[in-house]
Amino acid sequence: MNISILNRVKLLSMTSLLVCSAYTYANKIPTIVDDFSHPDNNSLGIKRQFLDDKVAGGNSQARIKVIDGKLHISGEIEPPRGQPGWASSVLLLNPEGLPQDVSKFSGIRLLIKLQSGNISISANSTDISNFDYHSAMLMVQADDKFHEIKIPFDSMKRSWSEQTKLNTTTINSLSIVSFGMQKTPFEYQLDEVGFY
């Protein structure tokens, strides 16, 4: 009888510990989302995702590799008729895509080297249902050097929808997007993506 009660107490203690650990992990997003030290996963241990405009009728191509802790992406934007073309690197903040609270930060920080093309970054909120996430163009000189870029959350805007304030308590991912209205090459490297 005493062993059974002891086992129940142990089980209850372990369950409470797991719940508290999960809650703590879910509510603590670190400053660095990806330092590209792993070939497939971001710094949160979540597999990187890559999407392009083929889902919308485009034919954009991207070549992706991680070399010496840097993500190298190159390719060609080939948009669908009458729409912009794009190729996107998506960094999830939660393995299930659940919203995360990043309100303790002021914005997004990147270390990027641009060789060619147009690049933007978006903070993807679960509040947005039409994929018009809050984004900002990355103004980077194509000089073969890494540059630190800081994008304040309050400077990020939606492209075609009604302007709304970015809800930083509902961010589930960050997307780095190469884009263009006509066939054009792109190439860039990322050394680090995170928050500041």
N, C-alpha and C. Protein backbone atom coordinates (compact mmCIF):
# COMPACT_ATOMS: atom_id res chain seq x y z
N MET A 1 0.82 -1.19 0.00
CA MET A 1 0.00 0.00 0.00
C MET A 1 0.87 1.26 0.00
N ASN A 2 1.91 1.31 0.83
CA ASN A 2 2.79 2.46 0.90
C ASN A 2 3.56 2.65 -0.40
N ILE A 3 3.92 1.55 -1.06
CA ILE A 3 4.64 1.64 -2.32
C ILE A 3 3.75 2.28 -3.38
N SER A 4 2.50 1.92 -3.41
CA SER A 4 1.56 2.47 -4.38
C SER A 4 1.40 3.98 -4.19
N ILE A 5 1.29 4.43 -2.95
CA ILE A 5 1.18 5.86 -2.67
C ILE A 5 2.47 6.57 -3.07
N LEU A 6 3.60 5.97 -2.76
CA LEU A 6 4.89 6.54 -3.12
C LEU A 6 5.02 6.66 -4.64
N ASN A 7 4.60 5.65 -5.37
CA ASN A 7 4.64 5.70 -6.84
C ASN A 7 3.74 6.79 -7.39
N ARG A 8 2.58 6.96 -6.77
CA ARG A 8 1.67 8.02 -7.22
C ARG A 8 2.26 9.40 -6.98
N VAL A 9 2.90 9.56 -5.84
CA VAL A 9 3.55 10.84 -5.53
C VAL A 9 4.67 11.10 -6.53
N LYS A 10 5.46 10.08 -6.85
CA LYS A 10 6.54 10.23 -7.84
C LYS A 10 5.97 10.60 -9.20
N LEU A 11 4.91 9.92 -9.60
CA LEU A 11 4.29 10.19 -10.89
C LEU A 11 3.75 11.62 -10.94
N LEU A 12 3.08 12.04 -9.89
CA LEU A 12 2.55 13.40 -9.82
C LEU A 12 3.69 14.42 -9.87
N SER A 13 4.77 14.16 -9.16
CA SER A 13 5.91 15.06 -9.15
C SER A 13 6.55 15.16 -10.54
N MET A 14 6.73 14.03 -11.20
CA MET A 14 7.33 14.02 -12.54
C MET A 14 6.42 14.74 -13.54
N THR A 15 5.12 14.51 -13.46
CA THR A 15 4.18 15.16 -14.36
C THR A 15 4.23 16.68 -14.15
N SER A 16 4.25 17.11 -12.91
CA SER A 16 4.32 18.55 -12.61
C SER A 16 5.61 19.15 -13.14
N LEU A 17 6.71 18.44 -12.98
CA LEU A 17 8.00 18.90 -13.47
C LEU A 17 7.98 19.04 -14.99
N LEU A 18 7.42 18.06 -15.69
CA LEU A 18 7.34 18.12 -17.15
C LEU A 18 6.47 19.27 -17.62
N VAL A 19 5.34 19.47 -16.97
CA VAL A 19 4.44 20.56 -17.34
C VAL A 19 5.13 21.90 -17.12
N CYS A 20 5.79 22.06 -15.99
CA CYS A 20 6.50 23.31 -15.71
C CYS A 20 7.63 23.53 -16.71
N SER A 21 8.37 22.47 -17.05
CA SER A 21 9.46 22.58 -18.02
C SER A 21 8.92 22.98 -19.38
N ALA A 22 7.83 22.37 -19.81
CA ALA A 22 7.24 22.69 -21.11
C ALA A 22 6.77 24.15 -21.13
N TYR A 23 6.14 24.58 -20.03
CA TYR A 23 5.67 25.96 -19.96
C TYR A 23 6.85 26.93 -20.01
N THR A 24 7.91 26.64 -19.28
CA THR A 24 9.09 27.49 -19.27
C THR A 24 9.72 27.55 -20.64
N TYR A 25 9.88 26.38 -21.31
CA TYR A 25 10.48 26.35 -22.64
C TYR A 25 9.62 27.13 -23.63
N ALA A 26 8.31 26.94 -23.56
CA ALA A 26 7.41 27.58 -24.52
C ALA A 26 7.41 29.09 -24.37
N ASN A 27 7.71 29.60 -23.21
CA ASN A 27 7.65 31.03 -22.99
C ASN A 27 9.00 31.72 -22.96
N LYS A 28 10.06 31.02 -23.33
CA LYS A 28 11.38 31.64 -23.33
C LYS A 28 12.02 31.46 -24.70
N ILE A 29 11.88 32.46 -25.53
CA ILE A 29 12.54 32.46 -26.83
C ILE A 29 13.90 33.12 -26.63
N PRO A 30 14.96 32.45 -27.03
CA PRO A 30 16.30 33.05 -26.87
C PRO A 30 16.54 34.14 -27.90
N THR A 31 17.58 34.91 -27.69
CA THR A 31 17.96 35.98 -28.61
C THR A 31 18.30 35.43 -29.99
N ILE A 32 19.02 34.31 -30.05
CA ILE A 32 19.44 33.72 -31.33
C ILE A 32 18.45 32.64 -31.75
N VAL A 33 17.84 32.82 -32.92
CA VAL A 33 16.94 31.81 -33.48
C VAL A 33 17.74 30.81 -34.31
N ASP A 34 18.74 31.30 -35.06
CA ASP A 34 19.57 30.40 -35.87
C ASP A 34 20.96 30.98 -36.06
N ASP A 35 21.97 30.21 -35.67
CA ASP A 35 23.36 30.58 -35.95
C ASP A 35 23.96 29.66 -37.02
N PHE A 36 23.14 28.79 -37.59
CA PHE A 36 23.47 27.92 -38.71
C PHE A 36 24.65 26.99 -38.39
N SER A 37 24.75 26.61 -37.12
CA SER A 37 25.79 25.67 -36.71
C SER A 37 25.39 24.22 -37.01
N HIS A 38 24.12 23.99 -37.27
CA HIS A 38 23.63 22.65 -37.62
C HIS A 38 23.21 22.66 -39.09
N PRO A 39 23.47 21.58 -39.82
CA PRO A 39 23.15 21.58 -41.25
C PRO A 39 21.65 21.63 -41.57
N ASP A 40 20.79 21.16 -40.67
CA ASP A 40 19.36 21.06 -40.98
C ASP A 40 18.44 21.82 -40.04
N ASN A 41 18.85 21.98 -38.78
CA ASN A 41 17.97 22.54 -37.74
C ASN A 41 18.44 23.92 -37.31
N ASN A 42 17.47 24.76 -36.91
CA ASN A 42 17.84 26.06 -36.37
C ASN A 42 18.36 25.89 -34.94
N SER A 43 18.73 26.98 -34.29
CA SER A 43 19.31 26.91 -32.95
C SER A 43 18.31 26.47 -31.89
N LEU A 44 17.02 26.45 -32.22
CA LEU A 44 16.00 25.95 -31.31
C LEU A 44 15.79 24.44 -31.49
N GLY A 45 16.56 23.83 -32.41
CA GLY A 45 16.44 22.40 -32.67
C GLY A 45 15.31 22.03 -33.61
N ILE A 46 14.79 23.01 -34.35
CA ILE A 46 13.65 22.81 -35.24
C ILE A 46 14.15 22.84 -36.69
N LYS A 47 13.69 21.90 -37.48
CA LYS A 47 14.11 21.80 -38.88
C LYS A 47 13.74 23.07 -39.65
N ARG A 48 14.72 23.59 -40.41
CA ARG A 48 14.45 24.74 -41.29
C ARG A 48 13.53 24.33 -42.42
N GLN A 49 12.71 25.28 -42.87
CA GLN A 49 11.81 25.02 -44.00
C GLN A 49 12.14 25.99 -45.14
N PHE A 50 11.94 25.51 -46.36
CA PHE A 50 12.18 26.33 -47.54
C PHE A 50 10.97 26.19 -48.46
N LEU A 51 10.41 27.32 -48.85
CA LEU A 51 9.23 27.35 -49.70
C LEU A 51 9.50 28.26 -50.89
N ASP A 52 8.78 28.03 -52.00
CA ASP A 52 8.90 28.94 -53.13
C ASP A 52 7.56 29.09 -53.83
N ASP A 53 7.57 29.87 -54.90
CA ASP A 53 6.33 30.24 -55.58
C ASP A 53 5.73 29.15 -56.47
N LYS A 54 6.28 27.97 -56.48
CA LYS A 54 5.69 26.88 -57.27
C LYS A 54 4.25 26.59 -56.80
N VAL A 55 3.98 26.84 -55.52
CA VAL A 55 2.63 26.64 -55.00
C VAL A 55 1.64 27.63 -55.60
N ALA A 56 2.15 28.73 -56.23
CA ALA A 56 1.29 29.74 -56.83
C ALA A 56 1.48 29.82 -58.34
N GLY A 57 2.14 28.82 -58.93
CA GLY A 57 2.32 28.80 -60.38
C GLY A 57 3.62 29.34 -60.88
N GLY A 58 4.53 29.73 -59.99
CA GLY A 58 5.84 30.22 -60.40
C GLY A 58 6.81 29.08 -60.64
N ASN A 59 8.03 29.45 -60.99
CA ASN A 59 9.06 28.44 -61.24
C ASN A 59 10.40 28.86 -60.64
N SER A 60 10.37 29.57 -59.53
CA SER A 60 11.61 30.00 -58.87
C SER A 60 12.36 28.79 -58.33
N GLN A 61 13.68 28.88 -58.37
CA GLN A 61 14.56 27.79 -57.94
C GLN A 61 15.53 28.33 -56.88
N ALA A 62 15.83 27.52 -55.88
CA ALA A 62 16.80 27.91 -54.86
C ALA A 62 17.73 26.74 -54.57
N ARG A 63 19.01 27.06 -54.43
CA ARG A 63 20.01 26.09 -53.99
C ARG A 63 20.41 26.48 -52.57
N ILE A 64 20.34 25.53 -51.67
CA ILE A 64 20.52 25.81 -50.25
C ILE A 64 21.57 24.89 -49.68
N LYS A 65 22.53 25.46 -48.95
CA LYS A 65 23.52 24.65 -48.25
C LYS A 65 24.05 25.42 -47.06
N VAL A 66 24.48 24.68 -46.05
CA VAL A 66 25.12 25.26 -44.87
C VAL A 66 26.59 24.90 -44.93
N ILE A 67 27.44 25.93 -44.92
CA ILE A 67 28.89 25.73 -44.98
C ILE A 67 29.53 26.59 -43.89
N ASP A 68 30.33 25.96 -43.03
CA ASP A 68 31.06 26.68 -41.98
C ASP A 68 30.17 27.61 -41.16
N GLY A 69 28.98 27.14 -40.78
CA GLY A 69 28.09 27.92 -39.93
C GLY A 69 27.40 29.07 -40.63
N LYS A 70 27.30 29.01 -41.95
CA LYS A 70 26.60 30.04 -42.70
C LYS A 70 25.66 29.38 -43.69
N LEU A 71 24.45 29.94 -43.79
CA LEU A 71 23.47 29.45 -44.75
C LEU A 71 23.70 30.17 -46.07
N HIS A 72 23.99 29.39 -47.11
CA HIS A 72 24.20 29.93 -48.46
C HIS A 72 22.96 29.62 -49.29
N ILE A 73 22.33 30.65 -49.85
CA ILE A 73 21.15 30.46 -50.69
C ILE A 73 21.36 31.24 -51.99
N SER A 74 21.19 30.54 -53.08
CA SER A 74 21.27 31.18 -54.39
C SER A 74 20.25 30.54 -55.30
N GLY A 75 19.92 31.25 -56.36
CA GLY A 75 18.95 30.70 -57.30
C GLY A 75 18.44 31.75 -58.24
N GLU A 76 17.26 31.49 -58.77
CA GLU A 76 16.66 32.41 -59.72
C GLU A 76 15.18 32.55 -59.43
N ILE A 77 14.74 33.79 -59.37
CA ILE A 77 13.31 34.08 -59.23
C ILE A 77 12.70 34.03 -60.63
N GLU A 78 11.66 33.22 -60.78
CA GLU A 78 10.91 33.15 -62.03
C GLU A 78 9.42 33.17 -61.67
N PRO A 79 8.86 34.40 -61.62
CA PRO A 79 7.51 34.56 -61.07
C PRO A 79 6.40 34.02 -61.96
N PRO A 80 5.25 33.71 -61.34
CA PRO A 80 4.07 33.39 -62.13
C PRO A 80 3.58 34.67 -62.83
N ARG A 81 2.82 34.51 -63.85
CA ARG A 81 2.34 35.67 -64.61
C ARG A 81 1.52 36.61 -63.73
N GLY A 82 1.93 37.89 -63.74
CA GLY A 82 1.18 38.92 -63.04
C GLY A 82 1.36 38.94 -61.53
N GLN A 83 2.29 38.16 -61.00
CA GLN A 83 2.52 38.12 -59.56
C GLN A 83 4.01 38.17 -59.27
N PRO A 84 4.38 38.59 -58.09
CA PRO A 84 5.81 38.51 -57.75
C PRO A 84 6.25 37.06 -57.56
N GLY A 85 7.50 36.78 -57.90
CA GLY A 85 8.09 35.48 -57.61
C GLY A 85 8.82 35.54 -56.28
N TRP A 86 8.99 34.40 -55.65
CA TRP A 86 9.66 34.40 -54.34
C TRP A 86 10.22 33.03 -53.98
N ALA A 87 11.22 33.06 -53.13
CA ALA A 87 11.79 31.86 -52.51
C ALA A 87 12.09 32.24 -51.06
N SER A 88 11.64 31.41 -50.13
CA SER A 88 11.64 31.79 -48.72
C SER A 88 12.32 30.75 -47.83
N SER A 89 13.09 31.24 -46.86
CA SER A 89 13.65 30.42 -45.79
C SER A 89 12.82 30.69 -44.55
N VAL A 90 12.24 29.66 -43.96
CA VAL A 90 11.34 29.83 -42.82
C VAL A 90 11.99 29.23 -41.57
N LEU A 91 12.07 30.03 -40.53
CA LEU A 91 12.61 29.58 -39.24
C LEU A 91 11.48 29.55 -38.22
N LEU A 92 11.01 28.35 -37.92
CA LEU A 92 9.95 28.19 -36.93
C LEU A 92 10.47 28.48 -35.53
N LEU A 93 9.61 29.04 -34.68
CA LEU A 93 9.96 29.30 -33.29
C LEU A 93 9.43 28.23 -32.36
N ASN A 94 8.60 27.34 -32.90
CA ASN A 94 8.00 26.26 -32.12
C ASN A 94 7.83 25.08 -33.06
N PRO A 95 8.13 23.85 -32.63
CA PRO A 95 8.03 22.70 -33.54
C PRO A 95 6.63 22.48 -34.12
N GLU A 96 5.60 22.87 -33.40
CA GLU A 96 4.23 22.69 -33.88
C GLU A 96 3.69 23.94 -34.57
N GLY A 97 4.52 24.99 -34.69
CA GLY A 97 4.06 26.23 -35.30
C GLY A 97 3.16 27.05 -34.40
N LEU A 98 3.21 26.79 -33.10
CA LEU A 98 2.37 27.52 -32.15
C LEU A 98 2.92 28.93 -31.94
N PRO A 99 2.05 29.89 -31.62
CA PRO A 99 2.50 31.27 -31.42
C PRO A 99 3.42 31.39 -30.21
N GLN A 100 4.40 32.26 -30.35
CA GLN A 100 5.36 32.51 -29.28
C GLN A 100 5.37 34.00 -28.96
N ASP A 101 5.62 34.32 -27.71
CA ASP A 101 5.66 35.71 -27.26
C ASP A 101 7.08 36.24 -27.38
N VAL A 102 7.30 37.17 -28.31
CA VAL A 102 8.62 37.78 -28.48
C VAL A 102 8.56 39.27 -28.10
N SER A 103 7.55 39.64 -27.32
CA SER A 103 7.32 41.05 -26.98
C SER A 103 8.42 41.64 -26.10
N LYS A 104 9.26 40.81 -25.51
CA LYS A 104 10.37 41.35 -24.71
C LYS A 104 11.47 41.92 -25.60
N PHE A 105 11.40 41.65 -26.91
CA PHE A 105 12.39 42.15 -27.86
C PHE A 105 11.85 43.37 -28.59
N SER A 106 12.76 44.15 -29.19
CA SER A 106 12.38 45.33 -29.97
C SER A 106 12.22 45.04 -31.45
N GLY A 107 12.91 43.98 -31.93
CA GLY A 107 12.85 43.69 -33.35
C GLY A 107 13.69 42.47 -33.72
N ILE A 108 13.94 42.35 -35.03
CA ILE A 108 14.69 41.22 -35.59
C ILE A 108 16.08 41.71 -35.98
N ARG A 109 17.06 40.84 -35.74
CA ARG A 109 18.46 41.15 -36.04
C ARG A 109 19.02 40.06 -36.95
N LEU A 110 19.72 40.47 -38.01
CA LEU A 110 20.34 39.51 -38.93
C LEU A 110 21.79 39.90 -39.20
N LEU A 111 22.61 38.90 -39.45
CA LEU A 111 23.94 39.10 -40.04
C LEU A 111 23.85 38.49 -41.43
N ILE A 112 23.90 39.35 -42.45
CA ILE A 112 23.65 38.92 -43.82
C ILE A 112 24.68 39.49 -44.78
N LYS A 113 25.01 38.68 -45.78
CA LYS A 113 25.87 39.11 -46.88
C LYS A 113 25.05 38.93 -48.16
N LEU A 114 24.80 40.02 -48.87
CA LEU A 114 24.01 39.98 -50.09
C LEU A 114 24.94 40.06 -51.30
N GLN A 115 24.78 39.10 -52.21
CA GLN A 115 25.51 39.16 -53.47
C GLN A 115 24.61 39.75 -54.56
N SER A 116 23.33 39.33 -54.60
CA SER A 116 22.40 39.87 -55.60
C SER A 116 20.97 39.59 -55.21
N GLY A 117 20.05 40.40 -55.74
CA GLY A 117 18.63 40.18 -55.53
C GLY A 117 18.02 41.08 -54.48
N ASN A 118 16.70 40.95 -54.34
CA ASN A 118 15.92 41.68 -53.35
C ASN A 118 15.58 40.73 -52.21
N ILE A 119 15.73 41.20 -50.97
CA ILE A 119 15.47 40.37 -49.79
C ILE A 119 14.57 41.13 -48.83
N SER A 120 13.64 40.41 -48.23
CA SER A 120 12.82 40.98 -47.15
C SER A 120 12.77 39.97 -46.00
N ILE A 121 12.29 40.45 -44.86
CA ILE A 121 12.07 39.56 -43.73
C ILE A 121 10.66 39.79 -43.21
N SER A 122 10.01 38.71 -42.80
CA SER A 122 8.68 38.85 -42.20
C SER A 122 8.63 38.18 -40.84
N ALA A 123 7.84 38.78 -39.96
CA ALA A 123 7.51 38.19 -38.67
C ALA A 123 6.11 37.61 -38.84
N ASN A 124 6.00 36.31 -38.80
CA ASN A 124 4.76 35.63 -39.17
C ASN A 124 3.90 35.38 -37.93
N SER A 125 2.79 36.11 -37.88
CA SER A 125 1.89 36.05 -36.74
C SER A 125 0.71 35.13 -37.03
N THR A 126 0.31 34.38 -36.04
CA THR A 126 -0.87 33.52 -36.19
C THR A 126 -2.16 34.34 -36.28
N ASP A 127 -2.09 35.65 -36.02
CA ASP A 127 -3.25 36.53 -36.19
C ASP A 127 -3.56 36.76 -37.67
N ILE A 128 -2.58 36.58 -38.54
CA ILE A 128 -2.73 36.88 -39.97
C ILE A 128 -3.15 35.60 -40.70
N SER A 129 -4.24 35.70 -41.44
CA SER A 129 -4.77 34.51 -42.12
C SER A 129 -4.57 34.52 -43.63
N ASN A 130 -4.14 35.65 -44.22
CA ASN A 130 -4.02 35.73 -45.68
C ASN A 130 -2.58 35.79 -46.18
N PHE A 131 -1.64 35.42 -45.37
CA PHE A 131 -0.20 35.36 -45.69
C PHE A 131 0.43 36.73 -45.93
N ASP A 132 -0.28 37.82 -45.70
CA ASP A 132 0.29 39.17 -45.82
C ASP A 132 0.87 39.57 -44.47
N TYR A 133 1.97 38.89 -44.12
CA TYR A 133 2.61 39.09 -42.83
C TYR A 133 3.31 40.45 -42.77
N HIS A 134 3.58 40.91 -41.57
CA HIS A 134 4.33 42.14 -41.37
C HIS A 134 5.77 41.90 -41.83
N SER A 135 6.24 42.75 -42.75
CA SER A 135 7.57 42.53 -43.32
C SER A 135 8.29 43.85 -43.51
N ALA A 136 9.57 43.73 -43.87
CA ALA A 136 10.39 44.90 -44.17
C ALA A 136 11.45 44.49 -45.18
N MET A 137 11.73 45.40 -46.10
CA MET A 137 12.84 45.19 -47.04
C MET A 137 14.14 45.25 -46.27
N LEU A 138 15.09 44.41 -46.67
CA LEU A 138 16.43 44.47 -46.09
C LEU A 138 17.29 45.30 -47.03
N MET A 139 17.68 46.45 -46.56
CA MET A 139 18.53 47.34 -47.34
C MET A 139 19.98 46.99 -47.03
N VAL A 140 20.56 46.19 -47.91
CA VAL A 140 21.91 45.68 -47.70
C VAL A 140 22.74 45.98 -48.94
N GLN A 141 23.92 46.52 -48.72
CA GLN A 141 24.84 46.78 -49.83
C GLN A 141 25.42 45.45 -50.30
N ALA A 142 25.44 45.24 -51.60
CA ALA A 142 26.01 44.01 -52.18
C ALA A 142 27.51 44.22 -52.36
N ASP A 143 28.24 44.16 -51.23
CA ASP A 143 29.68 44.43 -51.26
C ASP A 143 30.52 43.25 -50.78
N ASP A 144 29.92 42.06 -50.73
CA ASP A 144 30.60 40.84 -50.32
C ASP A 144 31.09 40.88 -48.87
N LYS A 145 30.39 41.66 -48.03
CA LYS A 145 30.69 41.73 -46.59
C LYS A 145 29.42 41.43 -45.81
N PHE A 146 29.60 40.87 -44.61
CA PHE A 146 28.45 40.66 -43.73
C PHE A 146 28.08 41.98 -43.06
N HIS A 147 26.77 42.22 -42.98
CA HIS A 147 26.25 43.42 -42.35
C HIS A 147 25.24 43.03 -41.28
N GLU A 148 25.29 43.74 -40.16
CA GLU A 148 24.28 43.57 -39.12
C GLU A 148 23.11 44.48 -39.46
N ILE A 149 21.93 43.89 -39.59
CA ILE A 149 20.71 44.64 -39.90
C ILE A 149 19.74 44.45 -38.75
N LYS A 150 19.19 45.56 -38.27
CA LYS A 150 18.18 45.51 -37.22
C LYS A 150 16.89 46.10 -37.77
N ILE A 151 15.82 45.32 -37.66
CA ILE A 151 14.51 45.73 -38.14
C ILE A 151 13.58 45.85 -36.92
N PRO A 152 13.22 47.07 -36.51
CA PRO A 152 12.27 47.22 -35.39
C PRO A 152 10.90 46.64 -35.75
N PHE A 153 10.29 45.96 -34.82
CA PHE A 153 8.95 45.40 -35.06
C PHE A 153 7.97 46.48 -35.53
N ASP A 154 8.05 47.68 -34.92
CA ASP A 154 7.06 48.71 -35.25
C ASP A 154 7.27 49.32 -36.63
N SER A 155 8.36 48.96 -37.34
CA SER A 155 8.57 49.44 -38.70
C SER A 155 8.06 48.45 -39.74
N MET A 156 7.65 47.26 -39.32
CA MET A 156 7.21 46.22 -40.25
C MET A 156 5.75 46.46 -40.64
N LYS A 157 5.49 46.34 -41.95
CA LYS A 157 4.16 46.64 -42.49
C LYS A 157 3.64 45.48 -43.33
N ARG A 158 2.33 45.42 -43.48
CA ARG A 158 1.70 44.47 -44.39
C ARG A 158 1.67 45.08 -45.79
N SER A 159 1.79 44.27 -46.82
CA SER A 159 1.92 44.78 -48.19
C SER A 159 0.61 45.20 -48.82
N TRP A 160 -0.41 44.36 -48.77
CA TRP A 160 -1.64 44.66 -49.50
C TRP A 160 -2.89 44.71 -48.62
N SER A 161 -2.76 44.38 -47.39
CA SER A 161 -3.93 44.34 -46.50
C SER A 161 -3.99 45.60 -45.65
N GLU A 162 -5.11 45.75 -44.95
CA GLU A 162 -5.25 46.86 -44.01
C GLU A 162 -4.08 46.81 -43.01
N GLN A 163 -3.52 47.97 -42.74
CA GLN A 163 -2.40 48.03 -41.80
C GLN A 163 -2.90 47.77 -40.38
N THR A 164 -2.27 46.84 -39.72
CA THR A 164 -2.56 46.52 -38.33
C THR A 164 -1.24 46.48 -37.57
N LYS A 165 -1.32 46.69 -36.29
CA LYS A 165 -0.12 46.60 -35.45
C LYS A 165 0.29 45.14 -35.33
N LEU A 166 1.58 44.87 -35.46
CA LEU A 166 2.11 43.51 -35.31
C LEU A 166 1.92 43.07 -33.86
N ASN A 167 1.26 41.95 -33.67
CA ASN A 167 1.05 41.38 -32.35
C ASN A 167 2.24 40.47 -32.03
N THR A 168 3.19 40.98 -31.29
CA THR A 168 4.43 40.24 -31.02
C THR A 168 4.26 39.11 -30.01
N THR A 169 3.03 38.90 -29.54
CA THR A 169 2.79 37.75 -28.66
C THR A 169 2.29 36.54 -29.45
N THR A 170 2.20 36.67 -30.79
CA THR A 170 1.64 35.60 -31.62
C THR A 170 2.55 35.22 -32.79
N ILE A 171 3.86 35.35 -32.63
CA ILE A 171 4.80 35.08 -33.73
C ILE A 171 5.16 33.59 -33.71
N ASN A 172 4.96 32.92 -34.85
CA ASN A 172 5.31 31.50 -34.90
C ASN A 172 6.53 31.21 -35.77
N SER A 173 6.96 32.20 -36.59
CA SER A 173 8.14 31.97 -37.42
C SER A 173 8.64 33.29 -37.99
N LEU A 174 9.86 33.23 -38.52
CA LEU A 174 10.46 34.32 -39.28
C LEU A 174 10.74 33.80 -40.67
N SER A 175 10.52 34.63 -41.69
CA SER A 175 10.81 34.22 -43.07
C SER A 175 11.74 35.23 -43.71
N ILE A 176 12.81 34.73 -44.33
CA ILE A 176 13.71 35.55 -45.13
C ILE A 176 13.36 35.23 -46.58
N VAL A 177 12.95 36.25 -47.34
CA VAL A 177 12.34 36.03 -48.65
C VAL A 177 13.11 36.77 -49.75
N SER A 178 13.54 36.02 -50.77
CA SER A 178 14.05 36.61 -52.01
C SER A 178 12.84 36.79 -52.91
N PHE A 179 12.76 37.92 -53.62
CA PHE A 179 11.58 38.17 -54.44
C PHE A 179 11.91 39.02 -55.65
N GLY A 180 11.00 39.02 -56.61
CA GLY A 180 11.14 39.86 -57.80
C GLY A 180 9.91 39.77 -58.67
N MET A 181 9.72 40.80 -59.51
CA MET A 181 8.59 40.84 -60.43
C MET A 181 8.95 40.26 -61.80
N GLN A 182 10.23 40.01 -62.02
CA GLN A 182 10.67 39.43 -63.28
C GLN A 182 11.78 38.43 -63.01
N LYS A 183 12.13 37.67 -64.02
CA LYS A 183 13.17 36.65 -63.88
C LYS A 183 14.48 37.33 -63.49
N THR A 184 15.01 36.91 -62.36
CA THR A 184 16.22 37.55 -61.85
C THR A 184 16.98 36.61 -60.91
N PRO A 185 18.31 36.63 -60.93
CA PRO A 185 19.07 35.79 -60.00
C PRO A 185 19.11 36.42 -58.60
N PHE A 186 19.35 35.57 -57.60
CA PHE A 186 19.56 36.07 -56.24
C PHE A 186 20.60 35.20 -55.56
N GLU A 187 21.30 35.80 -54.60
CA GLU A 187 22.29 35.06 -53.81
C GLU A 187 22.58 35.83 -52.53
N TYR A 188 22.56 35.12 -51.42
CA TYR A 188 22.90 35.74 -50.15
C TYR A 188 23.37 34.66 -49.17
N GLN A 189 23.99 35.12 -48.08
CA GLN A 189 24.42 34.23 -46.99
C GLN A 189 23.90 34.81 -45.68
N LEU A 190 23.52 33.93 -44.78
CA LEU A 190 23.11 34.32 -43.43
C LEU A 190 24.08 33.72 -42.42
N ASP A 191 24.55 34.54 -41.49
CA ASP A 191 25.41 34.06 -40.43
C ASP A 191 24.63 33.90 -39.13
N GLU A 192 23.58 34.73 -38.97
CA GLU A 192 22.81 34.68 -37.73
C GLU A 192 21.47 35.38 -37.93
N VAL A 193 20.44 34.83 -37.32
CA VAL A 193 19.11 35.46 -37.30
C VAL A 193 18.58 35.34 -35.88
N GLY A 194 18.05 36.44 -35.38
CA GLY A 194 17.51 36.42 -34.02
C GLY A 194 16.75 37.69 -33.71
N PHE A 195 16.72 38.01 -32.43
CA PHE A 195 16.00 39.18 -31.94
C PHE A 195 16.95 40.09 -31.18
N TYR A 196 16.55 41.34 -31.02
CA TYR A 196 17.31 42.27 -30.19
C TYR A 196 16.35 43.06 -29.32
